[in-house]
Amino acid sequence: MSEGSQSRVFVGLGSNLDDPVSQLSRAIDAIAGLPQTSLQNISSFYSSEPVGPADQPDYINAVAELQTRLSPIQLLDELQQLENQQGRVRLERWGARTLDLDILLYADEHIDTLRLVVPHPQMHLRRFVLLPLQEIVGDDFEIPTLGTLAQLLASCPELEISQIASVGKSNVV
């Protein structure tokens, strides 16, 4: 990424503890305030059953579209700081959490490091990621190396998911 250029980024948001709708709303406000970053769009909120341990509450999920000058690792650092500020504790893989912020796509980059893999390695298996992303970008949007959103949704495992709140671009400044 050249100095001063902006990258189109998609971030997945999830929460199932401590009033998840409020957790996501606070996270959206915080993301909108990140340095060298502007919030372009936010999907509706969706409720879905948990992936992982079954003895946890349902999740609330959304996807945010950003334009940023931050490098992928700088953005990851900022997002992890937001998670920590909202009480994120990493005890169990796929366990309950106050806030989970995942970089799904960073421009058309392929990143494979110990800290960050982009495109997100599980996104094509997660209807709670694909549906909110589809709401923002449409069926024909291409996920690098994976296919279009329509193709991915057609082959994605079924999961109980429902739209619970419309946020949308009208609420993005």
C-alpha atoms as a PDB file:
ATOM      1  CA  MET A   1       0.000   0.000   0.000  1.00  0.00           C
ATOM      2  CA  SER A   2       1.536   3.305  -1.012  1.00  0.00           C
ATOM      3  CA  GLU A   3       1.857   6.133   1.474  1.00  0.00           C
ATOM      4  CA  GLY A   4      -1.378   8.072   1.719  1.00  0.00           C
ATOM      5  CA  SER A   5      -3.524   5.609  -0.230  1.00  0.00           C
ATOM      6  CA  GLN A   6      -6.710   4.257   1.247  1.00  0.00           C
ATOM      7  CA  SER A   7      -7.810   0.645   1.345  1.00  0.00           C
ATOM      8  CA  ARG A   8     -11.335  -0.725   1.375  1.00  0.00           C
ATOM      9  CA  VAL A   9     -11.690  -3.020   4.364  1.00  0.00           C
ATOM     10  CA  PHE A  10     -14.506  -5.140   5.768  1.00  0.00           C
ATOM     11  CA  VAL A  11     -14.633  -5.941   9.478  1.00  0.00           C
ATOM     12  CA  GLY A  12     -16.878  -8.514  11.114  1.00  0.00           C
ATOM     13  CA  LEU A  13     -18.383  -7.587  14.484  1.00  0.00           C
ATOM     14  CA  GLY A  14     -19.820 -10.057  16.984  1.00  0.00           C
ATOM     15  CA  SER A  15     -20.927 -10.188  20.606  1.00  0.00           C
ATOM     16  CA  ASN A  16     -22.948 -12.456  22.859  1.00  0.00           C
ATOM     17  CA  LEU A  17     -22.275 -11.054  26.341  1.00  0.00           C
ATOM     18  CA  ASP A  18     -23.182  -7.937  28.338  1.00  0.00           C
ATOM     19  CA  ASP A  19     -25.949  -6.556  26.072  1.00  0.00           C
ATOM     20  CA  PRO A  20     -24.577  -7.508  22.630  1.00  0.00           C
ATOM     21  CA  VAL A  21     -26.542  -4.865  20.716  1.00  0.00           C
ATOM     22  CA  SER A  22     -25.022  -2.140  22.892  1.00  0.00           C
ATOM     23  CA  GLN A  23     -21.585  -3.748  22.562  1.00  0.00           C
ATOM     24  CA  LEU A  24     -21.820  -3.571  18.749  1.00  0.00           C
ATOM     25  CA  SER A  25     -23.211  -0.040  18.810  1.00  0.00           C
ATOM     26  CA  ARG A  26     -20.315   1.146  20.995  1.00  0.00           C
ATOM     27  CA  ALA A  27     -17.836  -0.687  18.762  1.00  0.00           C
ATOM     28  CA  ILE A  28     -19.253   1.004  15.656  1.00  0.00           C
ATOM     29  CA  ASP A  29     -18.847   4.413  17.299  1.00  0.00           C
ATOM     30  CA  ALA A  30     -15.278   3.539  18.283  1.00  0.00           C
ATOM     31  CA  ILE A  31     -14.417   2.236  14.799  1.00  0.00           C
ATOM     32  CA  ALA A  32     -15.757   5.469  13.313  1.00  0.00           C
ATOM     33  CA  GLY A  33     -13.214   7.301  15.489  1.00  0.00           C
ATOM     34  CA  LEU A  34     -10.149   5.273  14.502  1.00  0.00           C
ATOM     35  CA  PRO A  35      -7.218   7.308  13.156  1.00  0.00           C
ATOM     36  CA  GLN A  36      -6.814   7.527   9.368  1.00  0.00           C
ATOM     37  CA  THR A  37     -10.038   5.546   8.977  1.00  0.00           C
ATOM     38  CA  SER A  38     -13.572   6.363   7.913  1.00  0.00           C
ATOM     39  CA  LEU A  39     -16.637   4.202   8.435  1.00  0.00           C
ATOM     40  CA  GLN A  40     -18.383   3.875   5.072  1.00  0.00           C
ATOM     41  CA  ASN A  41     -21.239   1.494   5.819  1.00  0.00           C
ATOM     42  CA  ILE A  42     -22.586  -0.868   8.442  1.00  0.00           C
ATOM     43  CA  SER A  43     -24.916  -3.797   7.880  1.00  0.00           C
ATOM     44  CA  SER A  44     -28.003  -4.592   9.871  1.00  0.00           C
ATOM     45  CA  PHE A  45     -27.536  -6.575  13.056  1.00  0.00           C
ATOM     46  CA  TYR A  46     -28.181 -10.314  12.827  1.00  0.00           C
ATOM     47  CA  SER A  47     -28.838 -12.860  15.560  1.00  0.00           C
ATOM     48  CA  SER A  48     -27.411 -16.357  15.184  1.00  0.00           C
ATOM     49  CA  GLU A  49     -26.738 -19.446  17.225  1.00  0.00           C
ATOM     50  CA  PRO A  50     -23.155 -19.788  18.459  1.00  0.00           C
ATOM     51  CA  VAL A  51     -20.391 -21.570  16.592  1.00  0.00           C
ATOM     52  CA  GLY A  52     -18.383 -23.577  19.095  1.00  0.00           C
ATOM     53  CA  PRO A  53     -19.517 -24.443  22.618  1.00  0.00           C
ATOM     54  CA  ALA A  54     -23.313 -24.732  22.676  1.00  0.00           C
ATOM     55  CA  ASP A  55     -23.709 -23.570  26.274  1.00  0.00           C
ATOM     56  CA  GLN A  56     -23.513 -19.874  25.411  1.00  0.00           C
ATOM     57  CA  PRO A  57     -26.001 -17.198  24.338  1.00  0.00           C
ATOM     58  CA  ASP A  58     -26.801 -16.441  20.696  1.00  0.00           C
ATOM     59  CA  TYR A  59     -24.559 -13.942  18.944  1.00  0.00           C
ATOM     60  CA  ILE A  60     -25.348 -10.571  17.446  1.00  0.00           C
ATOM     61  CA  ASN A  61     -23.265  -9.940  14.299  1.00  0.00           C
ATOM     62  CA  ALA A  62     -22.727  -7.209  11.722  1.00  0.00           C
ATOM     63  CA  VAL A  63     -20.203  -6.181   9.075  1.00  0.00           C
ATOM     64  CA  ALA A  64     -18.631  -2.732   8.730  1.00  0.00           C
ATOM     65  CA  GLU A  65     -17.081  -1.285   5.590  1.00  0.00           C
ATOM     66  CA  LEU A  66     -14.125   1.045   6.157  1.00  0.00           C
ATOM     67  CA  GLN A  67     -11.690   3.145   4.180  1.00  0.00           C
ATOM     68  CA  THR A  68      -8.351   3.258   5.967  1.00  0.00           C
ATOM     69  CA  ARG A  69      -4.769   4.370   5.570  1.00  0.00           C
ATOM     70  CA  LEU A  70      -3.721   2.073   8.417  1.00  0.00           C
ATOM     71  CA  SER A  71      -1.699  -0.987   7.473  1.00  0.00           C
ATOM     72  CA  PRO A  72      -3.390  -4.337   8.110  1.00  0.00           C
ATOM     73  CA  ILE A  73      -1.377  -4.885  11.313  1.00  0.00           C
ATOM     74  CA  GLN A  74      -1.993  -1.317  12.527  1.00  0.00           C
ATOM     75  CA  LEU A  75      -5.721  -1.843  11.975  1.00  0.00           C
ATOM     76  CA  LEU A  76      -5.586  -5.205  13.768  1.00  0.00           C
ATOM     77  CA  ASP A  77      -3.855  -3.537  16.730  1.00  0.00           C
ATOM     78  CA  GLU A  78      -6.526  -0.817  16.875  1.00  0.00           C
ATOM     79  CA  LEU A  79      -9.370  -3.357  16.678  1.00  0.00           C
ATOM     80  CA  GLN A  80      -7.853  -5.544  19.396  1.00  0.00           C
ATOM     81  CA  GLN A  81      -7.479  -2.477  21.602  1.00  0.00           C
ATOM     82  CA  LEU A  82     -11.208  -1.760  21.112  1.00  0.00           C
ATOM     83  CA  GLU A  83     -12.025  -5.373  22.035  1.00  0.00           C
ATOM     84  CA  ASN A  84      -9.970  -5.039  25.214  1.00  0.00           C
ATOM     85  CA  GLN A  85     -11.612  -1.709  26.106  1.00  0.00           C
ATOM     86  CA  GLN A  86     -14.998  -3.437  25.902  1.00  0.00           C
ATOM     87  CA  GLY A  87     -13.944  -6.231  28.231  1.00  0.00           C
ATOM     88  CA  ARG A  88     -12.849  -8.935  25.805  1.00  0.00           C
ATOM     89  CA  VAL A  89     -11.239 -11.866  27.609  1.00  0.00           C
ATOM     90  CA  ARG A  90      -9.718 -14.673  25.530  1.00  0.00           C
ATOM     91  CA  LEU A  91     -10.294 -17.846  27.536  1.00  0.00           C
ATOM     92  CA  GLU A  92     -11.725 -20.367  25.098  1.00  0.00           C
ATOM     93  CA  ARG A  93     -11.631 -20.673  21.307  1.00  0.00           C
ATOM     94  CA  TRP A  94     -15.055 -19.731  19.936  1.00  0.00           C
ATOM     95  CA  GLY A  95     -16.234 -19.056  23.474  1.00  0.00           C
ATOM     96  CA  ALA A  96     -18.607 -16.348  24.633  1.00  0.00           C
ATOM     97  CA  ARG A  97     -17.277 -12.809  24.320  1.00  0.00           C
ATOM     98  CA  THR A  98     -18.213  -9.192  24.848  1.00  0.00           C
ATOM     99  CA  LEU A  99     -16.782  -8.175  21.475  1.00  0.00           C
ATOM    100  CA  ASP A 100     -15.089  -9.841  18.530  1.00  0.00           C
ATOM    101  CA  LEU A 101     -13.720  -7.702  15.677  1.00  0.00           C
ATOM    102  CA  ASP A 102     -12.280  -9.605  12.699  1.00  0.00           C
ATOM    103  CA  ILE A 103     -10.674  -8.185   9.576  1.00  0.00           C
ATOM    104  CA  LEU A 104     -12.527 -10.108   6.876  1.00  0.00           C
ATOM    105  CA  LEU A 105     -11.064  -8.443   3.790  1.00  0.00           C
ATOM    106  CA  TYR A 106      -8.340  -5.858   3.371  1.00  0.00           C
ATOM    107  CA  ALA A 107      -8.549  -4.498  -0.191  1.00  0.00           C
ATOM    108  CA  ASP A 108      -7.658  -7.441  -2.423  1.00  0.00           C
ATOM    109  CA  GLU A 109      -4.670  -8.421  -0.296  1.00  0.00           C
ATOM    110  CA  HIS A 110      -3.769 -11.942   0.736  1.00  0.00           C
ATOM    111  CA  ILE A 111      -2.167 -11.921   4.177  1.00  0.00           C
ATOM    112  CA  ASP A 112      -0.941 -15.016   5.968  1.00  0.00           C
ATOM    113  CA  THR A 113       0.999 -14.259   9.142  1.00  0.00           C
ATOM    114  CA  LEU A 114       0.892 -15.649  12.662  1.00  0.00           C
ATOM    115  CA  ARG A 115      -1.295 -12.709  13.756  1.00  0.00           C
ATOM    116  CA  LEU A 116      -3.502 -12.160  10.726  1.00  0.00           C
ATOM    117  CA  VAL A 117      -4.936 -14.172   7.844  1.00  0.00           C
ATOM    118  CA  VAL A 118      -6.920 -12.312   5.164  1.00  0.00           C
ATOM    119  CA  PRO A 119      -9.313 -13.104   3.592  1.00  0.00           C
ATOM    120  CA  HIS A 120     -10.606 -14.404   6.908  1.00  0.00           C
ATOM    121  CA  PRO A 121     -10.024 -18.165   6.711  1.00  0.00           C
ATOM    122  CA  GLN A 122     -13.490 -19.171   7.978  1.00  0.00           C
ATOM    123  CA  MET A 123     -15.674 -16.485   6.407  1.00  0.00           C
ATOM    124  CA  HIS A 124     -16.987 -18.712   3.611  1.00  0.00           C
ATOM    125  CA  LEU A 125     -18.372 -21.087   6.276  1.00  0.00           C
ATOM    126  CA  ARG A 126     -20.127 -18.394   8.293  1.00  0.00           C
ATOM    127  CA  ARG A 127     -23.571 -17.310   7.139  1.00  0.00           C
ATOM    128  CA  PHE A 128     -23.519 -14.677   9.940  1.00  0.00           C
ATOM    129  CA  VAL A 129     -20.611 -13.045   8.072  1.00  0.00           C
ATOM    130  CA  LEU A 130     -21.771 -13.597   4.496  1.00  0.00           C
ATOM    131  CA  LEU A 131     -25.343 -12.267   4.894  1.00  0.00           C
ATOM    132  CA  PRO A 132     -24.332  -8.926   6.447  1.00  0.00           C
ATOM    133  CA  LEU A 133     -21.553  -8.559   3.858  1.00  0.00           C
ATOM    134  CA  GLN A 134     -24.031  -9.332   1.069  1.00  0.00           C
ATOM    135  CA  GLU A 135     -26.335  -6.620   2.430  1.00  0.00           C
ATOM    136  CA  ILE A 136     -23.552  -4.058   1.913  1.00  0.00           C
ATOM    137  CA  VAL A 137     -21.966  -5.180  -1.375  1.00  0.00           C
ATOM    138  CA  GLY A 138     -24.465  -7.448  -3.175  1.00  0.00           C
ATOM    139  CA  ASP A 139     -24.435 -10.973  -4.610  1.00  0.00           C
ATOM    140  CA  ASP A 140     -21.802 -10.399  -7.297  1.00  0.00           C
ATOM    141  CA  PHE A 141     -19.080  -9.193  -4.920  1.00  0.00           C
ATOM    142  CA  GLU A 142     -15.989 -11.368  -5.377  1.00  0.00           C
ATOM    143  CA  ILE A 143     -14.099 -12.735  -2.377  1.00  0.00           C
ATOM    144  CA  PRO A 144     -10.491 -13.335  -3.526  1.00  0.00           C
ATOM    145  CA  THR A 145      -9.832 -17.048  -4.218  1.00  0.00           C
ATOM    146  CA  LEU A 146     -13.281 -18.051  -2.879  1.00  0.00           C
ATOM    147  CA  GLY A 147     -15.883 -16.821  -5.392  1.00  0.00           C
ATOM    148  CA  THR A 148     -18.865 -14.496  -5.362  1.00  0.00           C
ATOM    149  CA  LEU A 149     -21.034 -13.963  -2.325  1.00  0.00           C
ATOM    150  CA  ALA A 150     -23.945 -15.662  -4.109  1.00  0.00           C
ATOM    151  CA  GLN A 151     -21.800 -18.755  -4.734  1.00  0.00           C
ATOM    152  CA  LEU A 152     -20.516 -18.794  -1.163  1.00  0.00           C
ATOM    153  CA  LEU A 153     -23.982 -18.406   0.350  1.00  0.00           C
ATOM    154  CA  ALA A 154     -25.316 -21.228  -1.847  1.00  0.00           C
ATOM    155  CA  SER A 155     -22.714 -23.621  -0.423  1.00  0.00           C
ATOM    156  CA  CYS A 156     -22.528 -22.218   3.129  1.00  0.00           C
ATOM    157  CA  PRO A 157     -23.747 -24.471   5.952  1.00  0.00           C
ATOM    158  CA  GLU A 158     -27.221 -23.592   7.151  1.00  0.00           C
ATOM    159  CA  LEU A 159     -27.416 -21.744  10.434  1.00  0.00           C
ATOM    160  CA  GLU A 160     -30.361 -20.226  12.243  1.00  0.00           C
ATOM    161  CA  ILE A 161     -29.944 -16.502  11.585  1.00  0.00           C
ATOM    162  CA  SER A 162     -32.326 -13.562  11.610  1.00  0.00           C
ATOM    163  CA  GLN A 163     -32.027  -9.849  10.959  1.00  0.00           C
ATOM    164  CA  ILE A 164     -32.863  -8.020  14.182  1.00  0.00           C
ATOM    165  CA  ALA A 165     -32.050  -4.372  13.562  1.00  0.00           C
ATOM    166  CA  SER A 166     -31.361  -2.235  10.550  1.00  0.00           C
ATOM    167  CA  VAL A 167     -28.447   0.130  11.017  1.00  0.00           C
ATOM    168  CA  GLY A 168     -27.305   0.848   7.478  1.00  0.00           C
ATOM    169  CA  LYS A 169     -25.468   3.647   5.758  1.00  0.00           C
ATOM    170  CA  SER A 170     -28.060   6.247   6.706  1.00  0.00           C
ATOM    171  CA  ASN A 171     -26.608   6.112  10.221  1.00  0.00           C
ATOM    172  CA  VAL A 172     -23.004   6.496   9.067  1.00  0.00           C
ATOM    173  CA  VAL A 173     -21.616  10.023   9.092  1.00  0.00           C
END
